[in-house]
Amino acid sequence: MSSLPLIVLGGGGHAKVCLDLISRQNLRCLGYVAPAPSPELDARHTYMGTDEIINNFLQEEILLVNGVGKISGSAVRKRIFENFKSRGYSFATIIHDSCIIADDTLIQEGAQLMAGVIINTGSIIEANAIINTRAVIEHDCFVGRHSHVSPGAVVCGGCYIGSHVHVGAGSTLIQKIKVGDESIIGAGSLVLRDVKEDSLVFGVPAKEVIT
């Protein structure tokens, strides 16, 4: 990782986890920005102000960490990433020291791999994706931009997960499943068939939910 100082965007639970990961690795962090100070974070971390404080730094002076999590169909995390990228800022890729990652895995800018994650050979994790605590990404998988593979999910070999997808906690995708962009897989689901774009599936086995 670059030696540039980090600034975390967000003051909620995901930001707290990112800040803890950064602290564990003794990386230099200037603090966090959010609409208001967070009582949960202020005991250990510096509140710098709102997002506008980023304008005080040149793009080459800092790296940003997207501390906004992705829940269900929320696009806030995606908007934050794209907004700051359009202004020329770059995002740090953060990887917990307990992760097991194959040498040939491709991990793009701003991706976040949390505690206990396993990623096997031939896989690609695109920009701004979250692979959350103890999730497993098996060999030759693709996880698209802005997607979130939630805690404890298992993605078997050869799966394709499109962009801005939410894979719920504890779900399992069998081998070679394709999940279309903007889709949501409910927590605890067993996915045995491909999931089309912009759909919600849930259950064991997972079935489309019409909303």
N, C-alpha and C. Protein backbone atom coordinates (compact mmCIF):
# COMPACT_ATOMS: atom_id res chain seq x y z
N MET A 1 0.84 -1.19 0.00
CA MET A 1 0.00 0.00 0.00
C MET A 1 0.88 1.24 0.00
N SER A 2 0.41 2.32 -0.62
CA SER A 2 1.12 3.59 -0.66
C SER A 2 1.35 4.12 0.76
N SER A 3 2.39 4.92 0.91
CA SER A 3 2.69 5.54 2.21
C SER A 3 1.90 6.82 2.44
N LEU A 4 1.05 7.20 1.49
CA LEU A 4 0.25 8.41 1.66
C LEU A 4 -0.70 8.26 2.85
N PRO A 5 -0.99 9.36 3.55
CA PRO A 5 -1.95 9.28 4.66
C PRO A 5 -3.35 9.00 4.15
N LEU A 6 -4.16 8.38 5.02
CA LEU A 6 -5.51 7.97 4.68
C LEU A 6 -6.54 8.86 5.37
N ILE A 7 -7.66 9.05 4.70
CA ILE A 7 -8.84 9.68 5.32
C ILE A 7 -10.02 8.76 5.06
N VAL A 8 -10.75 8.42 6.11
CA VAL A 8 -11.91 7.53 6.00
C VAL A 8 -13.16 8.37 5.80
N LEU A 9 -13.96 7.99 4.80
CA LEU A 9 -15.22 8.67 4.52
C LEU A 9 -16.35 7.92 5.21
N GLY A 10 -16.98 8.56 6.19
CA GLY A 10 -18.09 7.92 6.90
C GLY A 10 -17.82 7.79 8.38
N GLY A 11 -18.91 7.72 9.16
CA GLY A 11 -18.77 7.65 10.60
C GLY A 11 -19.59 6.55 11.25
N GLY A 12 -20.02 5.58 10.46
CA GLY A 12 -20.86 4.49 10.99
C GLY A 12 -20.07 3.23 11.28
N GLY A 13 -20.81 2.12 11.31
CA GLY A 13 -20.21 0.84 11.68
C GLY A 13 -19.13 0.37 10.73
N HIS A 14 -19.36 0.53 9.42
CA HIS A 14 -18.35 0.07 8.47
C HIS A 14 -17.09 0.92 8.57
N ALA A 15 -17.26 2.23 8.78
CA ALA A 15 -16.10 3.10 8.98
C ALA A 15 -15.31 2.66 10.20
N LYS A 16 -16.02 2.26 11.25
CA LYS A 16 -15.35 1.80 12.48
C LYS A 16 -14.48 0.58 12.20
N VAL A 17 -14.99 -0.36 11.41
CA VAL A 17 -14.23 -1.56 11.06
C VAL A 17 -13.01 -1.19 10.20
N CYS A 18 -13.21 -0.28 9.24
CA CYS A 18 -12.09 0.15 8.40
C CYS A 18 -11.00 0.82 9.23
N LEU A 19 -11.41 1.68 10.16
CA LEU A 19 -10.45 2.37 11.02
C LEU A 19 -9.68 1.38 11.90
N ASP A 20 -10.37 0.35 12.38
CA ASP A 20 -9.70 -0.67 13.18
C ASP A 20 -8.66 -1.41 12.35
N LEU A 21 -9.03 -1.78 11.12
CA LEU A 21 -8.10 -2.47 10.22
C LEU A 21 -6.87 -1.61 9.97
N ILE A 22 -7.09 -0.32 9.71
CA ILE A 22 -5.99 0.60 9.44
C ILE A 22 -5.07 0.70 10.66
N SER A 23 -5.68 0.76 11.85
CA SER A 23 -4.88 0.85 13.09
C SER A 23 -4.04 -0.40 13.30
N ARG A 24 -4.63 -1.57 13.04
CA ARG A 24 -3.92 -2.84 13.21
C ARG A 24 -2.66 -2.89 12.36
N GLN A 25 -2.73 -2.26 11.19
CA GLN A 25 -1.60 -2.32 10.26
C GLN A 25 -0.67 -1.11 10.38
N ASN A 26 -0.92 -0.30 11.40
CA ASN A 26 -0.06 0.85 11.68
C ASN A 26 0.07 1.79 10.49
N LEU A 27 -1.03 1.92 9.75
CA LEU A 27 -1.03 2.86 8.63
C LEU A 27 -1.37 4.26 9.15
N ARG A 28 -0.87 5.25 8.48
CA ARG A 28 -1.11 6.63 8.91
C ARG A 28 -2.49 7.07 8.48
N CYS A 29 -3.31 7.44 9.44
CA CYS A 29 -4.68 7.88 9.16
C CYS A 29 -4.90 9.24 9.80
N LEU A 30 -5.33 10.20 9.01
CA LEU A 30 -5.56 11.55 9.52
C LEU A 30 -6.86 11.64 10.32
N GLY A 31 -7.80 10.74 10.04
CA GLY A 31 -9.09 10.75 10.74
C GLY A 31 -10.22 10.38 9.80
N TYR A 32 -11.43 10.75 10.20
CA TYR A 32 -12.60 10.43 9.38
C TYR A 32 -13.43 11.68 9.15
N VAL A 33 -14.17 11.68 8.04
CA VAL A 33 -15.11 12.76 7.73
C VAL A 33 -16.51 12.18 7.68
N ALA A 34 -17.47 12.96 8.15
CA ALA A 34 -18.87 12.52 8.20
C ALA A 34 -19.74 13.76 8.42
N PRO A 35 -21.05 13.66 8.19
CA PRO A 35 -21.92 14.82 8.41
C PRO A 35 -21.86 15.36 9.83
N ALA A 36 -21.55 14.48 10.80
CA ALA A 36 -21.45 14.89 12.20
C ALA A 36 -20.49 13.94 12.91
N PRO A 37 -19.91 14.36 14.04
CA PRO A 37 -19.04 13.46 14.79
C PRO A 37 -19.79 12.22 15.26
N SER A 38 -19.06 11.11 15.38
CA SER A 38 -19.65 9.86 15.85
C SER A 38 -19.13 9.56 17.25
N PRO A 39 -20.01 9.48 18.26
CA PRO A 39 -19.55 9.15 19.61
C PRO A 39 -18.81 7.83 19.68
N GLU A 40 -19.17 6.88 18.81
CA GLU A 40 -18.50 5.58 18.79
C GLU A 40 -17.04 5.67 18.36
N LEU A 41 -16.73 6.64 17.52
CA LEU A 41 -15.40 6.74 16.92
C LEU A 41 -14.50 7.75 17.61
N ASP A 42 -15.08 8.77 18.22
CA ASP A 42 -14.28 9.90 18.68
C ASP A 42 -13.30 9.56 19.79
N ALA A 43 -13.53 8.49 20.53
CA ALA A 43 -12.60 8.13 21.60
C ALA A 43 -11.23 7.72 21.06
N ARG A 44 -11.21 7.18 19.84
CA ARG A 44 -9.95 6.66 19.28
C ARG A 44 -9.52 7.37 18.01
N HIS A 45 -10.44 8.06 17.34
CA HIS A 45 -10.14 8.58 16.01
C HIS A 45 -10.54 10.05 15.90
N THR A 46 -9.88 10.76 15.02
CA THR A 46 -10.08 12.20 14.87
C THR A 46 -11.19 12.50 13.88
N TYR A 47 -12.16 13.28 14.34
CA TYR A 47 -13.20 13.78 13.44
C TYR A 47 -12.67 15.03 12.76
N MET A 48 -12.60 15.01 11.43
CA MET A 48 -12.00 16.10 10.68
C MET A 48 -13.02 17.12 10.19
N GLY A 49 -14.30 16.75 10.13
CA GLY A 49 -15.34 17.62 9.60
C GLY A 49 -16.15 16.89 8.54
N THR A 50 -16.88 17.63 7.75
CA THR A 50 -17.70 17.04 6.69
C THR A 50 -16.83 16.72 5.47
N ASP A 51 -17.46 16.12 4.47
CA ASP A 51 -16.73 15.74 3.25
C ASP A 51 -16.00 16.92 2.61
N GLU A 52 -16.50 18.13 2.84
CA GLU A 52 -15.90 19.30 2.20
C GLU A 52 -14.44 19.50 2.61
N ILE A 53 -14.04 18.94 3.74
CA ILE A 53 -12.66 19.09 4.21
C ILE A 53 -11.67 18.47 3.23
N ILE A 54 -12.16 17.49 2.43
CA ILE A 54 -11.27 16.83 1.45
C ILE A 54 -10.74 17.85 0.45
N ASN A 55 -11.52 18.93 0.20
CA ASN A 55 -11.09 19.95 -0.75
C ASN A 55 -9.80 20.65 -0.31
N ASN A 56 -9.44 20.54 0.95
CA ASN A 56 -8.21 21.15 1.45
C ASN A 56 -6.95 20.37 1.07
N PHE A 57 -7.14 19.18 0.49
CA PHE A 57 -6.01 18.32 0.16
C PHE A 57 -5.92 18.15 -1.36
N LEU A 58 -4.70 18.20 -1.87
CA LEU A 58 -4.50 17.88 -3.27
C LEU A 58 -4.71 16.38 -3.49
N GLN A 59 -5.09 16.02 -4.71
CA GLN A 59 -5.39 14.62 -5.01
C GLN A 59 -4.19 13.71 -4.77
N GLU A 60 -2.99 14.22 -4.97
CA GLU A 60 -1.79 13.39 -4.82
C GLU A 60 -1.28 13.35 -3.38
N GLU A 61 -1.97 14.05 -2.46
CA GLU A 61 -1.50 14.12 -1.07
C GLU A 61 -2.08 13.05 -0.16
N ILE A 62 -3.21 12.49 -0.55
CA ILE A 62 -3.94 11.57 0.33
C ILE A 62 -4.51 10.40 -0.45
N LEU A 63 -4.92 9.37 0.28
CA LEU A 63 -5.76 8.30 -0.25
C LEU A 63 -7.03 8.24 0.59
N LEU A 64 -8.14 7.97 -0.05
CA LEU A 64 -9.41 7.88 0.64
C LEU A 64 -9.76 6.42 0.91
N VAL A 65 -10.50 6.20 1.98
CA VAL A 65 -11.05 4.88 2.31
C VAL A 65 -12.56 5.04 2.41
N ASN A 66 -13.28 4.27 1.62
CA ASN A 66 -14.74 4.37 1.61
C ASN A 66 -15.30 3.63 2.82
N GLY A 67 -15.64 4.40 3.86
CA GLY A 67 -16.13 3.82 5.10
C GLY A 67 -17.63 3.69 5.16
N VAL A 68 -18.30 3.85 4.03
CA VAL A 68 -19.75 3.66 3.96
C VAL A 68 -20.02 2.24 3.47
N GLY A 69 -20.72 1.46 4.25
CA GLY A 69 -21.04 0.09 3.86
C GLY A 69 -22.13 0.05 2.81
N LYS A 70 -22.39 -1.15 2.31
CA LYS A 70 -23.46 -1.33 1.33
C LYS A 70 -24.50 -2.26 1.91
N ILE A 71 -25.70 -1.74 2.12
CA ILE A 71 -26.79 -2.56 2.60
C ILE A 71 -27.86 -2.67 1.51
N SER A 72 -28.26 -3.89 1.23
CA SER A 72 -29.29 -4.17 0.22
C SER A 72 -29.07 -3.36 -1.03
N GLY A 73 -30.09 -2.58 -1.44
CA GLY A 73 -30.01 -1.87 -2.71
C GLY A 73 -29.47 -0.46 -2.61
N SER A 74 -28.92 -0.06 -1.48
CA SER A 74 -28.44 1.30 -1.31
C SER A 74 -27.30 1.61 -2.28
N ALA A 75 -27.37 2.81 -2.88
CA ALA A 75 -26.33 3.22 -3.83
C ALA A 75 -25.41 4.29 -3.26
N VAL A 76 -25.50 4.56 -1.95
CA VAL A 76 -24.71 5.64 -1.35
C VAL A 76 -23.21 5.37 -1.50
N ARG A 77 -22.80 4.14 -1.20
CA ARG A 77 -21.36 3.81 -1.30
C ARG A 77 -20.85 4.01 -2.73
N LYS A 78 -21.61 3.57 -3.69
CA LYS A 78 -21.25 3.73 -5.11
C LYS A 78 -21.14 5.21 -5.47
N ARG A 79 -22.10 6.03 -5.04
CA ARG A 79 -22.09 7.45 -5.37
C ARG A 79 -20.87 8.15 -4.77
N ILE A 80 -20.53 7.80 -3.54
CA ILE A 80 -19.37 8.41 -2.90
C ILE A 80 -18.10 8.10 -3.67
N PHE A 81 -17.92 6.84 -4.03
CA PHE A 81 -16.74 6.43 -4.78
C PHE A 81 -16.65 7.17 -6.10
N GLU A 82 -17.73 7.17 -6.85
CA GLU A 82 -17.72 7.78 -8.18
C GLU A 82 -17.55 9.30 -8.10
N ASN A 83 -18.13 9.92 -7.08
CA ASN A 83 -17.99 11.36 -6.90
C ASN A 83 -16.53 11.76 -6.70
N PHE A 84 -15.85 11.10 -5.77
CA PHE A 84 -14.47 11.46 -5.50
C PHE A 84 -13.53 11.04 -6.62
N LYS A 85 -13.81 9.94 -7.29
CA LYS A 85 -13.00 9.56 -8.45
C LYS A 85 -13.12 10.60 -9.56
N SER A 86 -14.33 11.13 -9.77
CA SER A 86 -14.53 12.13 -10.81
C SER A 86 -13.76 13.41 -10.51
N ARG A 87 -13.41 13.63 -9.25
CA ARG A 87 -12.66 14.81 -8.83
C ARG A 87 -11.15 14.53 -8.77
N GLY A 88 -10.77 13.32 -9.17
CA GLY A 88 -9.34 13.00 -9.28
C GLY A 88 -8.71 12.36 -8.07
N TYR A 89 -9.51 12.03 -7.04
CA TYR A 89 -8.96 11.39 -5.85
C TYR A 89 -8.86 9.87 -6.05
N SER A 90 -7.98 9.25 -5.30
CA SER A 90 -7.78 7.81 -5.37
C SER A 90 -8.15 7.16 -4.05
N PHE A 91 -8.50 5.88 -4.12
CA PHE A 91 -8.93 5.12 -2.94
C PHE A 91 -7.92 4.04 -2.61
N ALA A 92 -7.70 3.87 -1.32
CA ALA A 92 -6.84 2.79 -0.84
C ALA A 92 -7.58 1.47 -0.91
N THR A 93 -6.87 0.43 -1.28
CA THR A 93 -7.36 -0.95 -1.17
C THR A 93 -6.90 -1.47 0.18
N ILE A 94 -7.84 -1.91 1.01
CA ILE A 94 -7.45 -2.36 2.35
C ILE A 94 -7.75 -3.86 2.51
N ILE A 95 -6.78 -4.55 3.08
CA ILE A 95 -6.85 -6.01 3.21
C ILE A 95 -6.44 -6.39 4.63
N HIS A 96 -7.33 -7.03 5.35
CA HIS A 96 -7.03 -7.45 6.71
C HIS A 96 -5.88 -8.45 6.73
N ASP A 97 -5.06 -8.40 7.77
CA ASP A 97 -3.88 -9.26 7.83
C ASP A 97 -4.21 -10.75 7.99
N SER A 98 -5.48 -11.07 8.33
CA SER A 98 -5.86 -12.47 8.48
C SER A 98 -6.39 -13.10 7.19
N CYS A 99 -6.47 -12.32 6.12
CA CYS A 99 -6.99 -12.85 4.85
C CYS A 99 -6.03 -13.86 4.24
N ILE A 100 -6.60 -14.82 3.51
CA ILE A 100 -5.82 -15.77 2.71
C ILE A 100 -6.17 -15.52 1.25
N ILE A 101 -5.19 -15.05 0.48
CA ILE A 101 -5.46 -14.61 -0.88
C ILE A 101 -4.46 -15.24 -1.83
N ALA A 102 -4.96 -15.88 -2.87
CA ALA A 102 -4.07 -16.48 -3.87
C ALA A 102 -3.21 -15.42 -4.56
N ASP A 103 -2.00 -15.82 -4.93
CA ASP A 103 -1.05 -14.86 -5.50
C ASP A 103 -1.54 -14.24 -6.80
N ASP A 104 -2.34 -14.96 -7.56
CA ASP A 104 -2.76 -14.44 -8.86
C ASP A 104 -4.13 -13.75 -8.83
N THR A 105 -4.63 -13.49 -7.64
CA THR A 105 -5.89 -12.75 -7.52
C THR A 105 -5.67 -11.29 -7.93
N LEU A 106 -6.62 -10.74 -8.69
CA LEU A 106 -6.57 -9.33 -9.07
C LEU A 106 -7.55 -8.57 -8.19
N ILE A 107 -7.03 -7.60 -7.45
CA ILE A 107 -7.87 -6.80 -6.55
C ILE A 107 -7.72 -5.35 -6.95
N GLN A 108 -8.82 -4.73 -7.35
CA GLN A 108 -8.77 -3.39 -7.91
C GLN A 108 -8.89 -2.31 -6.83
N GLU A 109 -8.74 -1.07 -7.27
CA GLU A 109 -8.70 0.09 -6.39
C GLU A 109 -9.93 0.19 -5.48
N GLY A 110 -9.68 0.43 -4.20
CA GLY A 110 -10.75 0.69 -3.26
C GLY A 110 -11.48 -0.54 -2.77
N ALA A 111 -11.11 -1.72 -3.25
CA ALA A 111 -11.73 -2.94 -2.73
C ALA A 111 -11.32 -3.14 -1.27
N GLN A 112 -12.19 -3.80 -0.50
CA GLN A 112 -11.94 -3.99 0.93
C GLN A 112 -12.17 -5.45 1.29
N LEU A 113 -11.15 -6.08 1.85
CA LEU A 113 -11.21 -7.48 2.24
C LEU A 113 -11.07 -7.54 3.75
N MET A 114 -12.12 -7.99 4.42
CA MET A 114 -12.18 -7.92 5.87
C MET A 114 -11.66 -9.22 6.51
N ALA A 115 -11.75 -9.28 7.82
CA ALA A 115 -11.11 -10.35 8.60
C ALA A 115 -11.57 -11.73 8.16
N GLY A 116 -10.60 -12.64 7.98
CA GLY A 116 -10.89 -14.04 7.72
C GLY A 116 -11.33 -14.37 6.31
N VAL A 117 -11.25 -13.43 5.40
CA VAL A 117 -11.66 -13.68 4.02
C VAL A 117 -10.69 -14.64 3.34
N ILE A 118 -11.24 -15.52 2.49
CA ILE A 118 -10.44 -16.41 1.65
C ILE A 118 -10.79 -16.15 0.20
N ILE A 119 -9.77 -15.90 -0.62
CA ILE A 119 -9.98 -15.73 -2.06
C ILE A 119 -9.01 -16.64 -2.79
N ASN A 120 -9.56 -17.54 -3.56
CA ASN A 120 -8.73 -18.54 -4.22
C ASN A 120 -8.31 -18.13 -5.63
N THR A 121 -7.47 -18.95 -6.21
CA THR A 121 -6.75 -18.64 -7.44
C THR A 121 -7.66 -18.25 -8.60
N GLY A 122 -7.18 -17.28 -9.38
CA GLY A 122 -7.87 -16.90 -10.61
C GLY A 122 -9.03 -15.95 -10.43
N SER A 123 -9.26 -15.44 -9.24
CA SER A 123 -10.42 -14.58 -9.00
C SER A 123 -10.08 -13.11 -9.21
N ILE A 124 -11.13 -12.33 -9.50
CA ILE A 124 -11.00 -10.89 -9.73
C ILE A 124 -12.01 -10.18 -8.82
N ILE A 125 -11.51 -9.21 -8.06
CA ILE A 125 -12.36 -8.38 -7.21
C ILE A 125 -12.25 -6.96 -7.74
N GLU A 126 -13.35 -6.44 -8.27
CA GLU A 126 -13.28 -5.13 -8.92
C GLU A 126 -13.38 -3.98 -7.91
N ALA A 127 -13.25 -2.77 -8.43
CA ALA A 127 -13.13 -1.56 -7.62
C ALA A 127 -14.31 -1.36 -6.68
N ASN A 128 -13.99 -0.92 -5.45
CA ASN A 128 -14.97 -0.52 -4.45
C ASN A 128 -15.85 -1.65 -3.95
N ALA A 129 -15.47 -2.89 -4.23
CA ALA A 129 -16.22 -4.04 -3.71
C ALA A 129 -15.82 -4.30 -2.26
N ILE A 130 -16.75 -4.86 -1.49
CA ILE A 130 -16.47 -5.31 -0.13
C ILE A 130 -16.61 -6.83 -0.09
N ILE A 131 -15.56 -7.50 0.38
CA ILE A 131 -15.65 -8.92 0.70
C ILE A 131 -15.57 -8.97 2.23
N ASN A 132 -16.69 -9.22 2.84
CA ASN A 132 -16.79 -8.99 4.28
C ASN A 132 -16.36 -10.21 5.11
N THR A 133 -16.43 -10.05 6.40
CA THR A 133 -15.83 -10.97 7.36
C THR A 133 -16.15 -12.44 7.07
N ARG A 134 -15.08 -13.25 6.93
CA ARG A 134 -15.13 -14.70 6.76
C ARG A 134 -15.87 -15.16 5.51
N ALA A 135 -16.03 -14.28 4.55
CA ALA A 135 -16.59 -14.70 3.26
C ALA A 135 -15.54 -15.50 2.49
N VAL A 136 -16.03 -16.42 1.64
CA VAL A 136 -15.15 -17.26 0.82
C VAL A 136 -15.47 -17.04 -0.65
N ILE A 137 -14.44 -16.66 -1.40
CA ILE A 137 -14.55 -16.54 -2.86
C ILE A 137 -13.65 -17.63 -3.45
N GLU A 138 -14.26 -18.62 -4.06
CA GLU A 138 -13.49 -19.75 -4.57
C GLU A 138 -12.81 -19.40 -5.91
N HIS A 139 -12.17 -20.38 -6.51
CA HIS A 139 -11.33 -20.17 -7.68
C HIS A 139 -12.12 -19.60 -8.87
N ASP A 140 -11.47 -18.74 -9.62
CA ASP A 140 -11.96 -18.24 -10.91
C ASP A 140 -13.30 -17.52 -10.80
N CYS A 141 -13.49 -16.79 -9.73
CA CYS A 141 -14.72 -16.00 -9.56
C CYS A 141 -14.46 -14.55 -9.95
N PHE A 142 -15.55 -13.87 -10.25
CA PHE A 142 -15.51 -12.45 -10.59
C PHE A 142 -16.52 -11.73 -9.72
N VAL A 143 -16.06 -10.69 -9.02
CA VAL A 143 -16.96 -9.86 -8.20
C VAL A 143 -16.88 -8.44 -8.74
N GLY A 144 -18.00 -7.91 -9.23
CA GLY A 144 -18.01 -6.64 -9.93
C GLY A 144 -17.92 -5.42 -9.03
N ARG A 145 -17.76 -4.27 -9.67
CA ARG A 145 -17.62 -2.99 -8.99
C ARG A 145 -18.79 -2.72 -8.04
N HIS A 146 -18.46 -2.20 -6.89
CA HIS A 146 -19.43 -1.73 -5.89
C HIS A 146 -20.26 -2.86 -5.27
N SER A 147 -19.91 -4.10 -5.50
CA SER A 147 -20.69 -5.21 -4.94
C SER A 147 -20.24 -5.52 -3.52
N HIS A 148 -21.12 -6.17 -2.78
CA HIS A 148 -20.84 -6.51 -1.38
C HIS A 148 -21.16 -7.99 -1.17
N VAL A 149 -20.13 -8.75 -0.82
CA VAL A 149 -20.32 -10.14 -0.42
C VAL A 149 -20.27 -10.14 1.11
N SER A 150 -21.41 -10.37 1.73
CA SER A 150 -21.59 -10.14 3.16
C SER A 150 -20.92 -11.22 4.02
N PRO A 151 -20.84 -10.98 5.34
CA PRO A 151 -20.16 -11.93 6.22
C PRO A 151 -20.66 -13.37 6.08
N GLY A 152 -19.70 -14.29 6.01
CA GLY A 152 -20.02 -15.71 6.00
C GLY A 152 -20.57 -16.26 4.70
N ALA A 153 -20.67 -15.45 3.66
CA ALA A 153 -21.16 -15.95 2.38
C ALA A 153 -20.10 -16.82 1.71
N VAL A 154 -20.55 -17.80 0.93
CA VAL A 154 -19.65 -18.70 0.20
C VAL A 154 -19.99 -18.62 -1.28
N VAL A 155 -19.02 -18.23 -2.08
CA VAL A 155 -19.18 -18.13 -3.52
C VAL A 155 -18.30 -19.22 -4.14
N CYS A 156 -18.93 -20.25 -4.68
CA CYS A 156 -18.17 -21.41 -5.20
C CYS A 156 -17.52 -21.09 -6.55
N GLY A 157 -16.69 -22.01 -7.01
CA GLY A 157 -15.83 -21.77 -8.15
C GLY A 157 -16.54 -21.35 -9.42
N GLY A 158 -15.93 -20.43 -10.15
CA GLY A 158 -16.41 -20.03 -11.47
C GLY A 158 -17.64 -19.16 -11.47
N CYS A 159 -17.99 -18.55 -10.35
CA CYS A 159 -19.18 -17.68 -10.30
C CYS A 159 -18.86 -16.29 -10.84
N TYR A 160 -19.89 -15.66 -11.37
CA TYR A 160 -19.78 -14.29 -11.87
C TYR A 160 -20.81 -13.44 -11.14
N ILE A 161 -20.33 -12.44 -10.41
CA ILE A 161 -21.21 -11.52 -9.70
C ILE A 161 -21.05 -10.15 -10.34
N GLY A 162 -22.13 -9.61 -10.86
CA GLY A 162 -22.07 -8.34 -11.58
C GLY A 162 -21.80 -7.15 -10.67
N SER A 163 -22.03 -5.96 -11.22
CA SER A 163 -21.75 -4.74 -10.46
C SER A 163 -22.93 -4.37 -9.56
N HIS A 164 -22.60 -3.74 -8.42
CA HIS A 164 -23.59 -3.24 -7.46
C HIS A 164 -24.57 -4.33 -7.03
N VAL A 165 -24.03 -5.50 -6.74
CA VAL A 165 -24.81 -6.65 -6.25
C VAL A 165 -24.62 -6.76 -4.75
N HIS A 166 -25.67 -7.16 -4.05
CA HIS A 166 -25.58 -7.42 -2.61
C HIS A 166 -25.83 -8.92 -2.38
N VAL A 167 -24.79 -9.61 -1.88
CA VAL A 167 -24.91 -11.03 -1.54
C VAL A 167 -25.06 -11.10 -0.02
N GLY A 168 -26.22 -11.52 0.45
CA GLY A 168 -26.54 -11.47 1.86
C GLY A 168 -25.70 -12.39 2.73
N ALA A 169 -25.67 -12.08 4.01
CA ALA A 169 -24.88 -12.83 4.97
C ALA A 169 -25.27 -14.31 4.98
N GLY A 170 -24.25 -15.17 4.99
CA GLY A 170 -24.49 -16.60 5.10
C GLY A 170 -25.07 -17.26 3.87
N SER A 171 -25.14 -16.56 2.74
CA SER A 171 -25.66 -17.20 1.52
C SER A 171 -24.59 -18.06 0.86
N THR A 172 -25.06 -18.97 0.01
CA THR A 172 -24.15 -19.84 -0.75
C THR A 172 -24.54 -19.82 -2.21
N LEU A 173 -23.56 -19.58 -3.08
CA LEU A 173 -23.76 -19.69 -4.52
C LEU A 173 -23.00 -20.93 -4.98
N ILE A 174 -23.71 -21.87 -5.60
CA ILE A 174 -23.01 -23.05 -6.11
C ILE A 174 -22.17 -22.65 -7.32
N GLN A 175 -21.36 -23.58 -7.81
CA GLN A 175 -20.39 -23.27 -8.86
C GLN A 175 -21.05 -22.77 -10.14
N LYS A 176 -20.37 -21.80 -10.76
CA LYS A 176 -20.69 -21.25 -12.09
C LYS A 176 -22.01 -20.49 -12.15
N ILE A 177 -22.47 -19.99 -11.03
CA ILE A 177 -23.66 -19.15 -11.02
C ILE A 177 -23.31 -17.76 -11.55
N LYS A 178 -24.23 -17.18 -12.31
CA LYS A 178 -24.09 -15.80 -12.78
C LYS A 178 -25.16 -14.94 -12.12
N VAL A 179 -24.72 -13.82 -11.53
CA VAL A 179 -25.64 -12.90 -10.87
C VAL A 179 -25.58 -11.57 -11.60
N GLY A 180 -26.72 -11.12 -12.13
CA GLY A 180 -26.76 -9.89 -12.91
C GLY A 180 -26.59 -8.64 -12.06
N ASP A 181 -26.23 -7.54 -12.73
CA ASP A 181 -26.02 -6.26 -12.06
C ASP A 181 -27.24 -5.85 -11.23
N GLU A 182 -26.97 -5.12 -10.15
CA GLU A 182 -28.00 -4.49 -9.33
C GLU A 182 -28.92 -5.48 -8.60
N SER A 183 -28.50 -6.73 -8.48
CA SER A 183 -29.36 -7.73 -7.85
C SER A 183 -29.07 -7.85 -6.35
N ILE A 184 -30.03 -8.44 -5.64
CA ILE A 184 -29.90 -8.67 -4.20
C ILE A 184 -30.18 -10.14 -3.92
N ILE A 185 -29.27 -10.78 -3.19
CA ILE A 185 -29.48 -12.15 -2.72
C ILE A 185 -29.70 -12.08 -1.22
N GLY A 186 -30.86 -12.51 -0.77
CA GLY A 186 -31.21 -12.40 0.63
C GLY A 186 -30.32 -13.26 1.52
N ALA A 187 -30.20 -12.85 2.76
CA ALA A 187 -29.35 -13.55 3.73
C ALA A 187 -29.77 -15.01 3.86
N GLY A 188 -28.78 -15.89 3.94
CA GLY A 188 -29.04 -17.30 4.16
C GLY A 188 -29.57 -18.07 2.97
N SER A 189 -29.52 -17.47 1.80
CA SER A 189 -30.08 -18.13 0.61
C SER A 189 -29.11 -19.14 0.01
N LEU A 190 -29.68 -20.11 -0.69
CA LEU A 190 -28.91 -21.09 -1.45
C LEU A 190 -29.23 -20.88 -2.92
N VAL A 191 -28.26 -20.37 -3.68
CA VAL A 191 -28.50 -20.00 -5.07
C VAL A 191 -28.06 -21.13 -5.98
N LEU A 192 -29.04 -21.74 -6.64
CA LEU A 192 -28.80 -22.90 -7.52
C LEU A 192 -28.95 -22.55 -8.99
N ARG A 193 -29.50 -21.38 -9.28
CA ARG A 193 -29.71 -20.95 -10.66
C ARG A 193 -29.21 -19.53 -10.85
N ASP A 194 -28.93 -19.16 -12.10
CA ASP A 194 -28.50 -17.80 -12.40
C ASP A 194 -29.56 -16.80 -11.94
N VAL A 195 -29.08 -15.61 -11.58
CA VAL A 195 -29.95 -14.53 -11.09
C VAL A 195 -29.91 -13.40 -12.11
N LYS A 196 -31.06 -13.03 -12.62
CA LYS A 196 -31.09 -11.98 -13.64
C LYS A 196 -30.86 -10.61 -13.03
N GLU A 197 -30.58 -9.63 -13.90
CA GLU A 197 -30.30 -8.27 -13.45
C GLU A 197 -31.47 -7.68 -12.66
N ASP A 198 -31.10 -6.81 -11.70
CA ASP A 198 -32.07 -6.00 -10.96
C ASP A 198 -33.20 -6.84 -10.36
N SER A 199 -32.84 -7.94 -9.72
CA SER A 199 -33.85 -8.79 -9.11
C SER A 199 -33.48 -9.11 -7.67
N LEU A 200 -34.47 -9.54 -6.91
CA LEU A 200 -34.29 -9.95 -5.53
C LEU A 200 -34.62 -11.43 -5.43
N VAL A 201 -33.68 -12.23 -4.91
CA VAL A 201 -33.94 -13.65 -4.70
C VAL A 201 -33.69 -13.99 -3.24
N PHE A 202 -34.42 -14.98 -2.76
CA PHE A 202 -34.31 -15.33 -1.35
C PHE A 202 -34.80 -16.76 -1.15
N GLY A 203 -34.18 -17.45 -0.18
CA GLY A 203 -34.68 -18.75 0.25
C GLY A 203 -33.75 -19.90 -0.06
N VAL A 204 -34.20 -21.10 0.34
CA VAL A 204 -33.46 -22.35 0.15
C VAL A 204 -34.39 -23.34 -0.53
N PRO A 205 -34.26 -23.54 -1.84
CA PRO A 205 -33.38 -22.81 -2.75
C PRO A 205 -33.90 -21.40 -3.01
N ALA A 206 -33.03 -20.50 -3.50
CA ALA A 206 -33.41 -19.13 -3.72
C ALA A 206 -34.38 -19.01 -4.88
N LYS A 207 -35.42 -18.21 -4.66
CA LYS A 207 -36.42 -17.93 -5.69
C LYS A 207 -36.61 -16.42 -5.79
N GLU A 208 -37.00 -15.95 -6.98
CA GLU A 208 -37.21 -14.52 -7.16
C GLU A 208 -38.40 -14.05 -6.34
N VAL A 209 -38.20 -12.89 -5.71
CA VAL A 209 -39.27 -12.25 -4.93
C VAL A 209 -39.76 -11.06 -5.75
N ILE A 210 -41.03 -11.04 -6.05
CA ILE A 210 -41.62 -9.94 -6.83
C ILE A 210 -42.05 -8.85 -5.85
N THR A 211 -41.50 -7.65 -6.04
CA THR A 211 -41.83 -6.54 -5.13
C THR A 211 -42.68 -5.50 -5.84
